[in-house]
């Protein structure tokens, strides 16, 4: 897929230059050909364990990819960047990363990431997350970006700390998820902290 000339609606305020390139990764818009790759990790119970969603069927992955294809720019509050994480060395889609514009007035966004277990533990989530933090703070001009994870997901919490985020809250038994009480950690980083790094 040639993403160097991604067509964007006229209402777009902010969009990265695609693909977003890091040392080992390309962050790019999803395409219809990505369904099998997304299914390879979103269908797994070990990936879904810490997500709100159960493992996805192939049909659900196809619908999710269809929705993600257009989520590549910020035009207003609630907009999402939902990007495929592709490893340069083998052009393999190994996960997804997101930035959601939660508040325009308060200049806040939420970061998220999901990687195939085969690609975890290599610093790829940190690398992809850092690229979206740079976009959020240096291009959009956000004041604060936060991320959330299940309190049992220690690996995700480590990624947030490596990104320079600090723990802001531990929500204890705040909602029912998959028949049990969910405990959630919230980490955040402010603009001044990002530029001081």
N, C-alpha and C. Protein backbone atom coordinates (compact mmCIF):
# COMPACT_ATOMS: atom_id res chain seq x y z
N UNK A 1 0.85 -1.20 0.00
CA UNK A 1 0.00 0.00 0.00
C UNK A 1 0.88 1.24 0.00
N UNK A 2 0.67 2.13 -0.93
CA UNK A 2 1.41 3.38 -0.97
C UNK A 2 0.68 4.39 -0.09
N UNK A 3 1.31 4.76 1.04
CA UNK A 3 0.66 5.67 1.97
C UNK A 3 1.29 7.05 1.95
N UNK A 4 2.16 7.30 0.99
CA UNK A 4 2.82 8.61 0.96
C UNK A 4 1.86 9.72 0.54
N UNK A 5 0.74 9.35 -0.11
CA UNK A 5 -0.23 10.35 -0.53
C UNK A 5 -1.62 9.93 -0.05
N UNK A 6 -1.80 9.88 1.26
CA UNK A 6 -3.09 9.49 1.83
C UNK A 6 -4.06 10.65 1.66
N UNK A 7 -5.21 10.41 1.00
CA UNK A 7 -6.19 11.50 0.85
C UNK A 7 -6.87 11.81 2.18
N UNK A 8 -6.97 13.09 2.51
CA UNK A 8 -7.57 13.51 3.77
C UNK A 8 -8.73 14.45 3.50
N UNK A 9 -9.79 14.37 4.30
CA UNK A 9 -10.91 15.31 4.14
C UNK A 9 -10.47 16.75 4.38
N UNK A 10 -11.21 17.68 3.80
CA UNK A 10 -10.86 19.11 3.93
C UNK A 10 -11.00 19.60 5.37
N UNK A 11 -11.79 18.89 6.19
CA UNK A 11 -12.02 19.33 7.57
C UNK A 11 -10.89 18.97 8.52
N UNK A 12 -9.89 18.23 8.04
CA UNK A 12 -8.81 17.77 8.92
C UNK A 12 -8.00 18.95 9.45
N UNK A 13 -7.80 18.95 10.77
CA UNK A 13 -6.94 19.94 11.40
C UNK A 13 -5.51 19.44 11.55
N UNK A 14 -5.37 18.15 11.94
CA UNK A 14 -4.05 17.58 12.21
C UNK A 14 -3.98 16.15 11.69
N UNK A 15 -2.90 15.85 10.99
CA UNK A 15 -2.65 14.48 10.54
C UNK A 15 -1.15 14.29 10.40
N UNK A 16 -0.65 13.14 10.77
CA UNK A 16 0.78 12.86 10.55
C UNK A 16 1.07 12.73 9.05
N UNK A 17 2.32 12.84 8.70
CA UNK A 17 2.76 12.47 7.35
C UNK A 17 2.95 10.96 7.36
N UNK A 18 2.16 10.27 6.55
CA UNK A 18 2.22 8.80 6.53
C UNK A 18 3.18 8.28 5.49
N UNK A 19 3.85 7.17 5.83
CA UNK A 19 3.83 6.49 7.12
C UNK A 19 4.68 7.24 8.14
N UNK A 20 4.31 7.10 9.42
CA UNK A 20 5.14 7.63 10.50
C UNK A 20 6.26 6.62 10.70
N UNK A 21 7.48 7.06 10.55
CA UNK A 21 8.62 6.14 10.59
C UNK A 21 9.40 6.31 11.89
N UNK A 22 9.67 5.18 12.55
CA UNK A 22 10.55 5.17 13.72
C UNK A 22 11.76 4.30 13.36
N UNK A 23 12.61 4.03 14.31
CA UNK A 23 13.81 3.26 14.01
C UNK A 23 13.48 1.89 13.42
N UNK A 24 12.49 1.21 14.00
CA UNK A 24 12.19 -0.17 13.57
C UNK A 24 10.80 -0.35 12.98
N UNK A 25 9.99 0.72 13.00
CA UNK A 25 8.58 0.57 12.67
C UNK A 25 8.10 1.57 11.63
N UNK A 26 7.01 1.18 10.95
CA UNK A 26 6.20 2.11 10.17
C UNK A 26 4.81 2.10 10.79
N UNK A 27 4.29 3.26 11.15
CA UNK A 27 2.92 3.40 11.63
C UNK A 27 2.13 3.96 10.46
N UNK A 28 1.13 3.20 10.03
CA UNK A 28 0.44 3.55 8.78
C UNK A 28 -1.05 3.31 8.93
N UNK A 29 -1.84 3.90 8.03
CA UNK A 29 -3.27 3.59 8.02
C UNK A 29 -3.51 2.11 7.74
N UNK A 30 -4.58 1.59 8.31
CA UNK A 30 -4.98 0.22 8.01
C UNK A 30 -5.50 0.13 6.58
N UNK A 31 -5.43 -1.08 6.02
CA UNK A 31 -6.00 -1.36 4.70
C UNK A 31 -6.81 -2.65 4.80
N UNK A 32 -7.64 -2.91 3.80
CA UNK A 32 -8.48 -4.12 3.81
C UNK A 32 -7.65 -5.40 3.85
N UNK A 33 -6.43 -5.34 3.36
CA UNK A 33 -5.56 -6.52 3.38
C UNK A 33 -4.99 -6.87 4.74
N UNK A 34 -5.32 -6.09 5.76
CA UNK A 34 -4.76 -6.31 7.10
C UNK A 34 -5.60 -7.22 7.98
N UNK A 35 -6.74 -7.69 7.48
CA UNK A 35 -7.67 -8.42 8.34
C UNK A 35 -7.03 -9.66 8.96
N UNK A 36 -6.36 -10.48 8.17
CA UNK A 36 -5.76 -11.71 8.70
C UNK A 36 -4.70 -11.41 9.76
N UNK A 37 -3.91 -10.37 9.53
CA UNK A 37 -2.88 -10.01 10.50
C UNK A 37 -3.49 -9.55 11.81
N UNK A 38 -4.56 -8.76 11.73
CA UNK A 38 -5.25 -8.31 12.94
C UNK A 38 -5.88 -9.50 13.66
N UNK A 39 -6.49 -10.39 12.88
CA UNK A 39 -7.09 -11.60 13.47
C UNK A 39 -6.05 -12.44 14.21
N UNK A 40 -4.82 -12.45 13.73
CA UNK A 40 -3.78 -13.29 14.34
C UNK A 40 -3.49 -12.91 15.78
N UNK A 41 -3.78 -11.65 16.17
CA UNK A 41 -3.59 -11.30 17.59
C UNK A 41 -4.90 -10.98 18.31
N UNK A 42 -5.88 -10.36 17.61
CA UNK A 42 -7.12 -10.01 18.31
C UNK A 42 -8.02 -11.22 18.58
N UNK A 43 -7.72 -12.37 17.96
CA UNK A 43 -8.49 -13.59 18.22
C UNK A 43 -7.97 -14.35 19.43
N UNK A 44 -6.86 -13.93 19.98
CA UNK A 44 -6.20 -14.69 21.04
C UNK A 44 -6.73 -14.31 22.42
N UNK A 45 -6.94 -15.34 23.24
CA UNK A 45 -7.42 -15.11 24.61
C UNK A 45 -6.38 -14.36 25.44
N UNK A 46 -5.09 -14.63 25.21
CA UNK A 46 -4.06 -13.96 26.02
C UNK A 46 -3.96 -12.47 25.67
N UNK A 47 -4.34 -12.08 24.46
CA UNK A 47 -4.37 -10.66 24.10
C UNK A 47 -5.63 -10.00 24.66
N UNK A 48 -6.75 -10.69 24.56
CA UNK A 48 -8.03 -10.13 25.03
C UNK A 48 -8.13 -10.07 26.55
N UNK A 49 -7.28 -10.80 27.25
CA UNK A 49 -7.38 -10.88 28.71
C UNK A 49 -7.46 -9.52 29.38
N UNK A 50 -6.67 -8.56 28.92
CA UNK A 50 -6.62 -7.25 29.55
C UNK A 50 -7.42 -6.19 28.79
N UNK A 51 -8.18 -6.60 27.77
CA UNK A 51 -8.99 -5.67 27.00
C UNK A 51 -10.45 -5.77 27.43
N UNK A 52 -11.24 -4.76 27.08
CA UNK A 52 -12.67 -4.81 27.36
C UNK A 52 -13.38 -5.83 26.46
N UNK A 53 -12.82 -6.04 25.25
CA UNK A 53 -13.43 -6.94 24.29
C UNK A 53 -12.99 -8.38 24.51
N UNK A 54 -13.86 -9.35 24.23
CA UNK A 54 -13.43 -10.75 24.20
C UNK A 54 -12.62 -10.99 22.92
N UNK A 55 -12.03 -12.19 22.77
CA UNK A 55 -11.37 -12.50 21.50
C UNK A 55 -12.33 -12.28 20.34
N UNK A 56 -11.81 -11.75 19.24
CA UNK A 56 -12.65 -11.39 18.10
C UNK A 56 -12.68 -12.50 17.05
N UNK A 57 -13.83 -12.63 16.40
CA UNK A 57 -13.94 -13.55 15.26
C UNK A 57 -13.30 -12.89 14.04
N UNK A 58 -13.13 -13.69 12.98
CA UNK A 58 -12.57 -13.14 11.75
C UNK A 58 -13.49 -12.05 11.19
N UNK A 59 -14.80 -12.27 11.28
CA UNK A 59 -15.76 -11.27 10.78
C UNK A 59 -15.68 -9.99 11.60
N UNK A 60 -15.53 -10.10 12.91
CA UNK A 60 -15.40 -8.92 13.77
C UNK A 60 -14.11 -8.17 13.45
N UNK A 61 -13.04 -8.89 13.17
CA UNK A 61 -11.78 -8.24 12.79
C UNK A 61 -11.93 -7.50 11.46
N UNK A 62 -12.65 -8.11 10.54
CA UNK A 62 -12.87 -7.45 9.24
C UNK A 62 -13.63 -6.14 9.42
N UNK A 63 -14.63 -6.15 10.29
CA UNK A 63 -15.39 -4.92 10.56
C UNK A 63 -14.52 -3.90 11.28
N UNK A 64 -13.72 -4.35 12.24
CA UNK A 64 -12.83 -3.44 12.97
C UNK A 64 -11.83 -2.77 12.02
N UNK A 65 -11.26 -3.55 11.11
CA UNK A 65 -10.32 -2.98 10.15
C UNK A 65 -11.04 -1.99 9.24
N UNK A 66 -12.26 -2.33 8.80
CA UNK A 66 -13.02 -1.42 7.94
C UNK A 66 -13.21 -0.06 8.63
N UNK A 67 -13.52 -0.09 9.93
CA UNK A 67 -13.70 1.15 10.68
C UNK A 67 -12.39 1.92 10.85
N UNK A 68 -11.31 1.18 11.06
CA UNK A 68 -10.02 1.83 11.31
C UNK A 68 -9.46 2.53 10.08
N UNK A 69 -9.83 2.07 8.89
CA UNK A 69 -9.25 2.61 7.65
C UNK A 69 -9.39 4.13 7.59
N UNK A 70 -10.50 4.67 8.04
CA UNK A 70 -10.71 6.12 7.97
C UNK A 70 -10.31 6.89 9.21
N UNK A 71 -9.76 6.21 10.20
CA UNK A 71 -9.42 6.89 11.45
C UNK A 71 -7.93 7.24 11.44
N UNK A 72 -7.62 8.31 10.69
CA UNK A 72 -6.21 8.63 10.44
C UNK A 72 -5.88 10.11 10.66
N UNK A 73 -6.83 10.89 11.17
CA UNK A 73 -6.60 12.33 11.32
C UNK A 73 -7.50 12.90 12.40
N UNK A 74 -7.15 14.08 12.87
CA UNK A 74 -7.95 14.81 13.86
C UNK A 74 -8.67 15.97 13.17
N UNK A 75 -10.00 15.93 13.21
CA UNK A 75 -10.81 17.07 12.77
C UNK A 75 -11.52 17.72 13.94
N UNK A 76 -11.76 16.94 15.00
CA UNK A 76 -12.47 17.48 16.16
C UNK A 76 -12.45 16.48 17.31
N UNK A 77 -13.08 16.88 18.39
CA UNK A 77 -13.09 16.08 19.60
C UNK A 77 -13.69 14.69 19.34
N UNK A 78 -13.06 13.69 19.91
CA UNK A 78 -13.50 12.31 19.73
C UNK A 78 -12.84 11.60 18.56
N UNK A 79 -12.15 12.34 17.71
CA UNK A 79 -11.48 11.71 16.57
C UNK A 79 -10.33 10.83 17.05
N UNK A 80 -10.02 9.83 16.21
CA UNK A 80 -9.00 8.84 16.58
C UNK A 80 -7.99 8.68 15.46
N UNK A 81 -6.74 8.50 15.87
CA UNK A 81 -5.73 7.93 14.98
C UNK A 81 -5.63 6.48 15.40
N UNK A 82 -5.97 5.56 14.52
CA UNK A 82 -5.85 4.13 14.78
C UNK A 82 -4.97 3.56 13.68
N UNK A 83 -3.73 3.27 14.04
CA UNK A 83 -2.72 2.96 13.03
C UNK A 83 -2.17 1.56 13.18
N UNK A 84 -1.88 0.95 12.04
CA UNK A 84 -1.21 -0.35 12.03
C UNK A 84 0.26 -0.16 12.38
N UNK A 85 0.78 -1.06 13.19
CA UNK A 85 2.20 -1.06 13.55
C UNK A 85 2.87 -2.14 12.71
N UNK A 86 3.69 -1.70 11.77
CA UNK A 86 4.35 -2.62 10.84
C UNK A 86 5.85 -2.62 11.12
N UNK A 87 6.39 -3.81 11.28
CA UNK A 87 7.83 -3.94 11.52
C UNK A 87 8.58 -3.81 10.20
N UNK A 88 9.58 -2.93 10.17
CA UNK A 88 10.31 -2.67 8.91
C UNK A 88 11.05 -3.90 8.39
N UNK A 89 11.66 -4.65 9.30
CA UNK A 89 12.57 -5.71 8.86
C UNK A 89 11.88 -6.79 8.03
N UNK A 90 10.58 -7.03 8.30
CA UNK A 90 9.87 -8.07 7.55
C UNK A 90 8.51 -7.62 7.03
N UNK A 91 8.21 -6.33 7.13
CA UNK A 91 6.93 -5.76 6.68
C UNK A 91 5.73 -6.46 7.31
N UNK A 92 5.91 -6.99 8.52
CA UNK A 92 4.82 -7.70 9.21
C UNK A 92 4.04 -6.74 10.10
N UNK A 93 2.72 -6.77 9.98
CA UNK A 93 1.86 -6.01 10.88
C UNK A 93 1.86 -6.75 12.22
N UNK A 94 2.34 -6.08 13.27
CA UNK A 94 2.49 -6.73 14.57
C UNK A 94 1.58 -6.15 15.64
N UNK A 95 0.75 -5.17 15.28
CA UNK A 95 -0.15 -4.60 16.28
C UNK A 95 -0.76 -3.31 15.81
N UNK A 96 -1.27 -2.56 16.79
CA UNK A 96 -1.93 -1.29 16.49
C UNK A 96 -1.65 -0.31 17.62
N UNK A 97 -1.71 0.97 17.27
CA UNK A 97 -1.49 2.03 18.23
C UNK A 97 -2.54 3.11 17.97
N UNK A 98 -2.98 3.76 19.04
CA UNK A 98 -4.06 4.74 18.87
C UNK A 98 -3.80 6.00 19.69
N UNK A 99 -4.34 7.09 19.18
CA UNK A 99 -4.38 8.35 19.92
C UNK A 99 -5.78 8.91 19.71
N UNK A 100 -6.51 9.13 20.80
CA UNK A 100 -7.89 9.60 20.73
C UNK A 100 -7.96 11.00 21.33
N UNK A 101 -8.50 11.95 20.57
CA UNK A 101 -8.61 13.34 21.01
C UNK A 101 -9.81 13.44 21.94
N UNK A 102 -9.58 13.32 23.24
CA UNK A 102 -10.65 13.24 24.23
C UNK A 102 -11.27 14.60 24.55
N UNK A 103 -10.47 15.68 24.54
CA UNK A 103 -11.01 17.01 24.83
C UNK A 103 -10.23 18.06 24.06
N UNK A 104 -10.95 18.83 23.26
CA UNK A 104 -10.32 19.96 22.57
C UNK A 104 -10.09 21.10 23.54
N UNK A 105 -11.11 21.44 24.36
CA UNK A 105 -11.00 22.57 25.29
C UNK A 105 -9.86 22.38 26.29
N UNK A 106 -9.68 21.14 26.76
CA UNK A 106 -8.65 20.87 27.76
C UNK A 106 -7.39 20.29 27.15
N UNK A 107 -7.34 20.17 25.83
CA UNK A 107 -6.16 19.69 25.11
C UNK A 107 -5.65 18.36 25.67
N UNK A 108 -6.55 17.38 25.71
CA UNK A 108 -6.25 16.06 26.28
C UNK A 108 -6.46 14.97 25.24
N UNK A 109 -5.64 13.93 25.31
CA UNK A 109 -5.81 12.77 24.44
C UNK A 109 -5.43 11.51 25.19
N UNK A 110 -5.90 10.39 24.66
CA UNK A 110 -5.61 9.08 25.26
C UNK A 110 -4.82 8.23 24.29
N UNK A 111 -3.74 7.63 24.78
CA UNK A 111 -2.87 6.75 24.02
C UNK A 111 -3.24 5.30 24.28
N UNK A 112 -3.17 4.47 23.25
CA UNK A 112 -3.39 3.04 23.43
C UNK A 112 -2.52 2.24 22.49
N UNK A 113 -2.31 0.96 22.83
CA UNK A 113 -1.48 0.09 21.99
C UNK A 113 -1.84 -1.36 22.28
N UNK A 114 -1.78 -2.19 21.25
CA UNK A 114 -1.98 -3.63 21.34
C UNK A 114 -0.97 -4.27 20.40
N UNK A 115 -0.18 -5.21 20.93
CA UNK A 115 0.80 -5.90 20.09
C UNK A 115 0.58 -7.41 20.13
N UNK A 116 0.90 -8.06 19.03
CA UNK A 116 0.92 -9.52 18.99
C UNK A 116 1.92 -10.00 20.04
N UNK A 117 1.61 -11.06 20.78
CA UNK A 117 2.55 -11.56 21.80
C UNK A 117 3.95 -11.84 21.28
N UNK A 118 4.07 -12.26 20.01
CA UNK A 118 5.39 -12.51 19.43
C UNK A 118 6.24 -11.24 19.32
N UNK A 119 5.58 -10.09 19.34
CA UNK A 119 6.28 -8.80 19.18
C UNK A 119 6.42 -8.06 20.51
N UNK A 120 5.94 -8.66 21.58
CA UNK A 120 6.03 -7.99 22.89
C UNK A 120 7.41 -8.20 23.51
N UNK A 121 7.74 -7.35 24.47
CA UNK A 121 9.01 -7.49 25.18
C UNK A 121 10.21 -7.02 24.39
N UNK A 122 9.99 -6.29 23.30
CA UNK A 122 11.10 -5.82 22.46
C UNK A 122 11.18 -4.30 22.37
N UNK A 123 10.34 -3.62 23.15
CA UNK A 123 10.34 -2.17 23.12
C UNK A 123 9.55 -1.56 21.98
N UNK A 124 8.80 -2.38 21.24
CA UNK A 124 8.07 -1.85 20.08
C UNK A 124 6.88 -0.99 20.49
N UNK A 125 6.18 -1.37 21.56
CA UNK A 125 5.05 -0.55 22.03
C UNK A 125 5.55 0.81 22.49
N UNK A 126 6.70 0.82 23.16
CA UNK A 126 7.29 2.10 23.60
C UNK A 126 7.67 2.95 22.39
N UNK A 127 8.26 2.32 21.39
CA UNK A 127 8.69 3.05 20.19
C UNK A 127 7.49 3.64 19.44
N UNK A 128 6.43 2.85 19.30
CA UNK A 128 5.23 3.33 18.61
C UNK A 128 4.54 4.40 19.44
N UNK A 129 4.45 4.18 20.75
CA UNK A 129 3.82 5.15 21.63
C UNK A 129 4.55 6.48 21.63
N UNK A 130 5.86 6.43 21.62
CA UNK A 130 6.65 7.67 21.62
C UNK A 130 6.37 8.49 20.37
N UNK A 131 6.18 7.82 19.23
CA UNK A 131 5.90 8.54 17.99
C UNK A 131 4.55 9.27 18.07
N UNK A 132 3.55 8.64 18.70
CA UNK A 132 2.25 9.30 18.82
C UNK A 132 2.28 10.39 19.88
N UNK A 133 3.07 10.22 20.93
CA UNK A 133 3.22 11.30 21.90
C UNK A 133 3.85 12.52 21.22
N UNK A 134 4.86 12.28 20.40
CA UNK A 134 5.50 13.39 19.68
C UNK A 134 4.48 14.11 18.79
N UNK A 135 3.65 13.36 18.08
CA UNK A 135 2.62 13.98 17.25
C UNK A 135 1.66 14.80 18.12
N UNK A 136 1.21 14.21 19.22
CA UNK A 136 0.25 14.89 20.08
C UNK A 136 0.77 16.18 20.68
N UNK A 137 1.99 16.15 21.18
CA UNK A 137 2.54 17.33 21.83
C UNK A 137 3.15 18.33 20.84
N UNK A 138 3.86 17.83 19.84
CA UNK A 138 4.63 18.71 18.97
C UNK A 138 3.86 19.21 17.75
N UNK A 139 2.83 18.48 17.35
CA UNK A 139 2.04 18.89 16.19
C UNK A 139 0.67 19.43 16.62
N UNK A 140 -0.04 18.64 17.42
CA UNK A 140 -1.39 19.05 17.83
C UNK A 140 -1.33 20.12 18.92
N UNK A 141 -0.29 20.10 19.75
CA UNK A 141 -0.18 21.06 20.85
C UNK A 141 -1.01 20.67 22.07
N UNK A 142 -1.10 19.37 22.33
CA UNK A 142 -1.86 18.89 23.48
C UNK A 142 -1.19 19.29 24.79
N UNK A 143 -1.98 19.38 25.84
CA UNK A 143 -1.46 19.69 27.17
C UNK A 143 -1.13 18.42 27.96
N UNK A 144 -1.97 17.38 27.80
CA UNK A 144 -1.78 16.15 28.57
C UNK A 144 -2.25 14.97 27.73
N UNK A 145 -1.48 13.88 27.80
CA UNK A 145 -1.85 12.61 27.19
C UNK A 145 -1.81 11.55 28.27
N UNK A 146 -2.86 10.74 28.32
CA UNK A 146 -2.91 9.70 29.34
C UNK A 146 -3.13 8.35 28.68
N UNK A 147 -2.89 7.30 29.46
CA UNK A 147 -3.12 5.93 29.00
C UNK A 147 -3.65 5.13 30.19
N UNK A 148 -4.37 4.08 29.88
CA UNK A 148 -4.99 3.25 30.92
C UNK A 148 -4.64 1.79 30.68
N UNK A 149 -4.59 1.02 31.76
CA UNK A 149 -4.43 -0.42 31.61
C UNK A 149 -5.05 -1.13 32.80
N UNK A 150 -5.39 -2.40 32.59
CA UNK A 150 -5.81 -3.28 33.67
C UNK A 150 -4.68 -3.32 34.69
N UNK A 151 -5.01 -3.22 35.96
CA UNK A 151 -3.97 -3.16 37.00
C UNK A 151 -3.12 -4.43 37.03
N UNK A 152 -3.62 -5.53 36.48
CA UNK A 152 -2.83 -6.77 36.43
C UNK A 152 -1.83 -6.76 35.28
N UNK A 153 -1.97 -5.82 34.35
CA UNK A 153 -1.14 -5.80 33.14
C UNK A 153 0.15 -5.02 33.43
N UNK A 154 1.06 -5.68 34.11
CA UNK A 154 2.29 -5.02 34.54
C UNK A 154 3.16 -4.61 33.36
N UNK A 155 3.12 -5.39 32.28
CA UNK A 155 3.93 -5.05 31.10
C UNK A 155 3.46 -3.73 30.49
N UNK A 156 2.15 -3.51 30.43
CA UNK A 156 1.63 -2.26 29.88
C UNK A 156 2.01 -1.08 30.77
N UNK A 157 1.93 -1.28 32.08
CA UNK A 157 2.32 -0.21 33.00
C UNK A 157 3.80 0.15 32.83
N UNK A 158 4.63 -0.86 32.55
CA UNK A 158 6.06 -0.58 32.31
C UNK A 158 6.25 0.25 31.06
N UNK A 159 5.47 -0.03 30.00
CA UNK A 159 5.55 0.77 28.77
C UNK A 159 5.23 2.23 29.09
N UNK A 160 4.17 2.46 29.86
CA UNK A 160 3.78 3.84 30.20
C UNK A 160 4.90 4.55 30.95
N UNK A 161 5.51 3.85 31.88
CA UNK A 161 6.61 4.49 32.63
C UNK A 161 7.79 4.79 31.71
N UNK A 162 8.10 3.86 30.78
CA UNK A 162 9.21 4.11 29.84
C UNK A 162 8.91 5.31 28.93
N UNK A 163 7.62 5.58 28.71
CA UNK A 163 7.23 6.74 27.90
C UNK A 163 7.29 8.05 28.70
N UNK A 164 7.66 7.97 29.96
CA UNK A 164 7.75 9.16 30.79
C UNK A 164 6.47 9.50 31.51
N UNK A 165 5.49 8.60 31.43
CA UNK A 165 4.22 8.84 32.12
C UNK A 165 4.35 8.50 33.60
N UNK A 166 3.55 9.15 34.40
CA UNK A 166 3.54 8.87 35.84
C UNK A 166 2.15 8.36 36.22
N UNK A 167 2.13 7.47 37.22
CA UNK A 167 0.85 6.94 37.68
C UNK A 167 0.05 8.04 38.35
N UNK A 168 -1.17 8.25 37.86
CA UNK A 168 -2.05 9.29 38.40
C UNK A 168 -3.18 8.71 39.23
N UNK A 169 -3.57 7.48 38.94
CA UNK A 169 -4.71 6.91 39.67
C UNK A 169 -4.69 5.39 39.59
N UNK A 170 -5.23 4.78 40.63
CA UNK A 170 -5.51 3.34 40.65
C UNK A 170 -6.98 3.22 41.01
N UNK A 171 -7.81 2.95 40.01
CA UNK A 171 -9.24 2.83 40.22
C UNK A 171 -9.55 1.41 40.66
N UNK A 172 -10.03 1.28 41.89
CA UNK A 172 -10.27 -0.05 42.47
C UNK A 172 -11.71 -0.46 42.29
N UNK A 173 -11.90 -1.63 41.66
CA UNK A 173 -13.22 -2.21 41.46
C UNK A 173 -14.23 -1.16 40.98
N UNK A 174 -13.87 -0.44 39.92
CA UNK A 174 -14.68 0.69 39.45
C UNK A 174 -15.76 0.30 38.46
N UNK A 175 -15.64 -0.90 37.85
CA UNK A 175 -16.68 -1.33 36.92
C UNK A 175 -16.59 -2.85 36.72
N UNK A 176 -17.69 -3.42 36.25
CA UNK A 176 -17.72 -4.85 35.94
C UNK A 176 -17.26 -5.07 34.50
N UNK A 177 -16.29 -5.93 34.34
CA UNK A 177 -15.79 -6.29 33.01
C UNK A 177 -15.67 -7.80 32.95
N UNK A 178 -16.36 -8.41 31.99
CA UNK A 178 -16.29 -9.86 31.78
C UNK A 178 -16.60 -10.62 33.07
N UNK A 179 -17.56 -10.13 33.83
CA UNK A 179 -18.02 -10.84 35.01
C UNK A 179 -17.17 -10.68 36.25
N UNK A 180 -16.25 -9.74 36.25
CA UNK A 180 -15.44 -9.51 37.45
C UNK A 180 -15.23 -8.00 37.63
N UNK A 181 -14.83 -7.62 38.82
CA UNK A 181 -14.53 -6.21 39.07
C UNK A 181 -13.21 -5.84 38.43
N UNK A 182 -13.21 -4.75 37.70
CA UNK A 182 -12.01 -4.29 37.00
C UNK A 182 -11.25 -3.30 37.87
N UNK A 183 -9.94 -3.43 37.88
CA UNK A 183 -9.05 -2.46 38.53
C UNK A 183 -8.20 -1.85 37.43
N UNK A 184 -8.15 -0.53 37.40
CA UNK A 184 -7.50 0.16 36.29
C UNK A 184 -6.45 1.14 36.79
N UNK A 185 -5.32 1.16 36.10
CA UNK A 185 -4.28 2.15 36.35
C UNK A 185 -4.36 3.23 35.28
N UNK A 186 -4.19 4.48 35.68
CA UNK A 186 -4.15 5.60 34.75
C UNK A 186 -2.80 6.29 34.90
N UNK A 187 -2.11 6.41 33.79
CA UNK A 187 -0.83 7.11 33.74
C UNK A 187 -0.98 8.33 32.83
N UNK A 188 -0.21 9.37 33.08
CA UNK A 188 -0.29 10.55 32.24
C UNK A 188 1.04 11.26 32.12
N UNK A 189 1.15 12.06 31.08
CA UNK A 189 2.32 12.91 30.88
C UNK A 189 1.83 14.25 30.35
N UNK A 190 2.38 15.34 30.87
CA UNK A 190 1.99 16.68 30.45
C UNK A 190 3.01 17.23 29.45
N UNK A 191 2.55 18.22 28.72
CA UNK A 191 3.38 18.85 27.68
C UNK A 191 4.75 19.28 28.22
N UNK A 192 4.75 19.94 29.37
CA UNK A 192 6.02 20.43 29.93
C UNK A 192 6.96 19.27 30.24
N UNK A 193 6.41 18.16 30.70
CA UNK A 193 7.24 16.99 31.01
C UNK A 193 7.80 16.36 29.74
N UNK A 194 7.00 16.35 28.67
CA UNK A 194 7.47 15.81 27.41
C UNK A 194 8.64 16.63 26.88
N UNK A 195 8.52 17.95 26.87
CA UNK A 195 9.58 18.79 26.31
C UNK A 195 10.79 18.89 27.23
N UNK A 196 10.63 18.52 28.50
CA UNK A 196 11.77 18.55 29.42
C UNK A 196 12.62 17.27 29.30
N UNK A 197 12.10 16.27 28.60
CA UNK A 197 12.83 14.99 28.50
C UNK A 197 14.08 15.12 27.64
